[in-house]
Amino acid sequence: MTPNLTAFTGVDSQNLPDVMVSVQFILAIGVLKSLHYFNNISNKLLFSLDKAVAIKAGVRERKRKAAELNQRLY
């Protein structure tokens, strides 16, 4: 016997399975959008980190060249 959940859910118990499927579908869409959003953020962070590493390597290389030049001059 199916309990009458109308008072709790506002949905007739005969339609409850259909409503539950609809809610699960809506939640699944929300999860996919959240994953897409966080994937974009992580890609931007990784790109920023790669850029920072490249800048740091360039600075290190310029310092090395300046030290070599300085050593040659003196």
N, C-alpha and C. Protein backbone atom coordinates (compact mmCIF):
# COMPACT_ATOMS: atom_id res chain seq x y z
N MET A 1 0.84 -1.18 0.00
CA MET A 1 0.00 0.00 0.00
C MET A 1 0.88 1.24 0.00
N THR A 2 0.67 2.14 -0.92
CA THR A 2 1.44 3.37 -1.02
C THR A 2 0.91 4.39 -0.02
N PRO A 3 1.79 4.96 0.80
CA PRO A 3 1.32 5.98 1.75
C PRO A 3 0.90 7.24 1.01
N ASN A 4 -0.03 7.95 1.60
CA ASN A 4 -0.50 9.19 1.00
C ASN A 4 0.45 10.31 1.43
N LEU A 5 1.28 10.78 0.50
CA LEU A 5 2.26 11.80 0.79
C LEU A 5 1.82 13.19 0.33
N THR A 6 0.55 13.31 -0.03
CA THR A 6 0.05 14.58 -0.55
C THR A 6 0.24 15.72 0.43
N ALA A 7 -0.02 15.46 1.71
CA ALA A 7 0.08 16.52 2.71
C ALA A 7 1.53 16.99 2.86
N PHE A 8 2.47 16.08 2.75
CA PHE A 8 3.89 16.42 2.94
C PHE A 8 4.50 17.07 1.69
N THR A 9 4.20 16.52 0.53
CA THR A 9 4.87 16.97 -0.70
C THR A 9 4.03 17.94 -1.52
N GLY A 10 2.76 17.95 -1.32
CA GLY A 10 1.88 18.74 -2.17
C GLY A 10 1.63 18.07 -3.51
N VAL A 11 2.08 16.83 -3.65
CA VAL A 11 1.92 16.07 -4.89
C VAL A 11 1.10 14.84 -4.58
N ASP A 12 0.14 14.55 -5.42
CA ASP A 12 -0.66 13.34 -5.25
C ASP A 12 0.26 12.13 -5.34
N SER A 13 0.06 11.16 -4.46
CA SER A 13 0.96 10.01 -4.40
C SER A 13 0.97 9.22 -5.72
N GLN A 14 -0.08 9.36 -6.51
CA GLN A 14 -0.09 8.68 -7.81
C GLN A 14 0.92 9.31 -8.77
N ASN A 15 1.16 10.60 -8.63
CA ASN A 15 2.09 11.32 -9.52
C ASN A 15 3.49 11.45 -8.92
N LEU A 16 3.66 10.99 -7.70
CA LEU A 16 4.94 11.17 -7.02
C LEU A 16 6.13 10.58 -7.78
N PRO A 17 6.04 9.35 -8.32
CA PRO A 17 7.19 8.83 -9.08
C PRO A 17 7.60 9.72 -10.25
N ASP A 18 6.62 10.26 -10.96
CA ASP A 18 6.93 11.16 -12.09
C ASP A 18 7.62 12.42 -11.60
N VAL A 19 7.14 12.95 -10.50
CA VAL A 19 7.74 14.17 -9.94
C VAL A 19 9.15 13.88 -9.47
N MET A 20 9.36 12.71 -8.85
CA MET A 20 10.70 12.37 -8.36
C MET A 20 11.69 12.25 -9.52
N VAL A 21 11.25 11.66 -10.63
CA VAL A 21 12.12 11.56 -11.81
C VAL A 21 12.45 12.95 -12.34
N SER A 22 11.45 13.84 -12.36
CA SER A 22 11.69 15.20 -12.82
C SER A 22 12.69 15.92 -11.93
N VAL A 23 12.55 15.74 -10.63
CA VAL A 23 13.48 16.38 -9.69
C VAL A 23 14.89 15.82 -9.88
N GLN A 24 15.01 14.51 -10.05
CA GLN A 24 16.33 13.92 -10.29
C GLN A 24 16.96 14.46 -11.57
N PHE A 25 16.15 14.64 -12.59
CA PHE A 25 16.64 15.18 -13.86
C PHE A 25 17.14 16.61 -13.67
N ILE A 26 16.38 17.42 -12.95
CA ILE A 26 16.78 18.81 -12.68
C ILE A 26 18.06 18.84 -11.86
N LEU A 27 18.17 17.97 -10.85
CA LEU A 27 19.40 17.91 -10.05
C LEU A 27 20.60 17.49 -10.90
N ALA A 28 20.37 16.54 -11.80
CA ALA A 28 21.47 16.10 -12.67
C ALA A 28 21.96 17.23 -13.56
N ILE A 29 21.05 18.04 -14.07
CA ILE A 29 21.44 19.20 -14.88
C ILE A 29 22.26 20.17 -14.03
N GLY A 30 21.83 20.39 -12.79
CA GLY A 30 22.58 21.27 -11.89
C GLY A 30 23.97 20.76 -11.62
N VAL A 31 24.10 19.44 -11.44
CA VAL A 31 25.43 18.85 -11.20
C VAL A 31 26.31 19.04 -12.43
N LEU A 32 25.77 18.80 -13.61
CA LEU A 32 26.57 18.97 -14.83
C LEU A 32 27.02 20.42 -15.01
N LYS A 33 26.13 21.36 -14.73
CA LYS A 33 26.51 22.77 -14.85
C LYS A 33 27.58 23.14 -13.83
N SER A 34 27.45 22.58 -12.61
CA SER A 34 28.45 22.85 -11.58
C SER A 34 29.81 22.29 -11.98
N LEU A 35 29.81 21.07 -12.51
CA LEU A 35 31.06 20.46 -12.95
C LEU A 35 31.70 21.28 -14.07
N HIS A 36 30.88 21.75 -15.00
CA HIS A 36 31.39 22.57 -16.10
C HIS A 36 31.99 23.87 -15.56
N TYR A 37 31.30 24.49 -14.60
CA TYR A 37 31.77 25.74 -14.00
C TYR A 37 33.10 25.52 -13.30
N PHE A 38 33.20 24.47 -12.47
CA PHE A 38 34.44 24.23 -11.73
C PHE A 38 35.56 23.78 -12.66
N ASN A 39 35.23 23.09 -13.74
CA ASN A 39 36.24 22.71 -14.72
C ASN A 39 36.82 23.96 -15.39
N ASN A 40 35.97 24.93 -15.71
CA ASN A 40 36.46 26.18 -16.31
C ASN A 40 37.36 26.93 -15.34
N ILE A 41 36.97 26.97 -14.07
CA ILE A 41 37.79 27.66 -13.06
C ILE A 41 39.14 26.97 -12.93
N SER A 42 39.13 25.63 -12.86
CA SER A 42 40.40 24.91 -12.70
C SER A 42 41.29 25.10 -13.92
N ASN A 43 40.71 25.14 -15.12
CA ASN A 43 41.51 25.38 -16.33
C ASN A 43 42.14 26.77 -16.29
N LYS A 44 41.38 27.76 -15.83
CA LYS A 44 41.92 29.12 -15.75
C LYS A 44 43.04 29.19 -14.72
N LEU A 45 42.88 28.50 -13.60
CA LEU A 45 43.93 28.48 -12.58
C LEU A 45 45.19 27.80 -13.10
N LEU A 46 45.01 26.68 -13.79
CA LEU A 46 46.18 25.98 -14.34
C LEU A 46 46.89 26.83 -15.38
N PHE A 47 46.12 27.52 -16.22
CA PHE A 47 46.72 28.41 -17.21
C PHE A 47 47.50 29.52 -16.52
N SER A 48 46.92 30.09 -15.45
CA SER A 48 47.60 31.15 -14.71
C SER A 48 48.88 30.63 -14.07
N LEU A 49 48.83 29.42 -13.53
CA LEU A 49 50.03 28.84 -12.92
C LEU A 49 51.11 28.60 -13.97
N ASP A 50 50.71 28.07 -15.13
CA ASP A 50 51.68 27.86 -16.21
C ASP A 50 52.31 29.18 -16.64
N LYS A 51 51.49 30.21 -16.72
CA LYS A 51 51.98 31.52 -17.10
C LYS A 51 52.95 32.06 -16.06
N ALA A 52 52.62 31.88 -14.78
CA ALA A 52 53.49 32.34 -13.70
C ALA A 52 54.82 31.59 -13.72
N VAL A 53 54.77 30.31 -13.99
CA VAL A 53 56.00 29.51 -14.06
C VAL A 53 56.87 29.98 -15.23
N ALA A 54 56.23 30.26 -16.36
CA ALA A 54 56.97 30.74 -17.52
C ALA A 54 57.60 32.10 -17.24
N ILE A 55 56.88 32.98 -16.58
CA ILE A 55 57.43 34.30 -16.22
C ILE A 55 58.61 34.13 -15.28
N LYS A 56 58.45 33.27 -14.28
CA LYS A 56 59.52 33.02 -13.31
C LYS A 56 60.76 32.47 -14.01
N ALA A 57 60.57 31.56 -14.96
CA ALA A 57 61.69 31.00 -15.70
C ALA A 57 62.39 32.09 -16.52
N GLY A 58 61.60 32.98 -17.13
CA GLY A 58 62.18 34.08 -17.90
C GLY A 58 62.98 35.02 -17.02
N VAL A 59 62.47 35.32 -15.83
CA VAL A 59 63.19 36.19 -14.89
C VAL A 59 64.48 35.52 -14.46
N ARG A 60 64.39 34.23 -14.16
CA ARG A 60 65.59 33.49 -13.74
C ARG A 60 66.65 33.50 -14.85
N GLU A 61 66.21 33.33 -16.10
CA GLU A 61 67.14 33.32 -17.24
C GLU A 61 67.78 34.70 -17.42
N ARG A 62 66.98 35.77 -17.29
CA ARG A 62 67.55 37.12 -17.40
C ARG A 62 68.56 37.39 -16.29
N LYS A 63 68.27 36.94 -15.10
CA LYS A 63 69.21 37.13 -13.99
C LYS A 63 70.51 36.37 -14.25
N ARG A 64 70.39 35.16 -14.79
CA ARG A 64 71.58 34.36 -15.09
C ARG A 64 72.44 35.05 -16.15
N LYS A 65 71.76 35.56 -17.19
CA LYS A 65 72.51 36.26 -18.25
C LYS A 65 73.15 37.54 -17.71
N ALA A 66 72.45 38.26 -16.86
CA ALA A 66 73.01 39.47 -16.28
C ALA A 66 74.21 39.14 -15.41
N ALA A 67 74.15 38.04 -14.66
CA ALA A 67 75.28 37.64 -13.82
C ALA A 67 76.47 37.23 -14.68
N GLU A 68 76.21 36.55 -15.79
CA GLU A 68 77.30 36.18 -16.71
C GLU A 68 77.96 37.42 -17.29
N LEU A 69 77.14 38.36 -17.73
CA LEU A 69 77.65 39.59 -18.32
C LEU A 69 78.45 40.38 -17.27
N ASN A 70 77.90 40.45 -16.09
CA ASN A 70 78.58 41.16 -14.99
C ASN A 70 79.93 40.50 -14.69
N GLN A 71 79.97 39.18 -14.72
CA GLN A 71 81.21 38.46 -14.44
C GLN A 71 82.25 38.72 -15.54
N ARG A 72 81.83 38.81 -16.78
CA ARG A 72 82.73 39.09 -17.88
C ARG A 72 83.32 40.50 -17.80
N LEU A 73 82.48 41.44 -17.35
CA LEU A 73 82.94 42.81 -17.29
C LEU A 73 83.96 43.05 -16.18
N TYR A 74 83.90 42.27 -15.14
CA TYR A 74 84.83 42.49 -14.02
C TYR A 74 85.78 41.40 -13.88
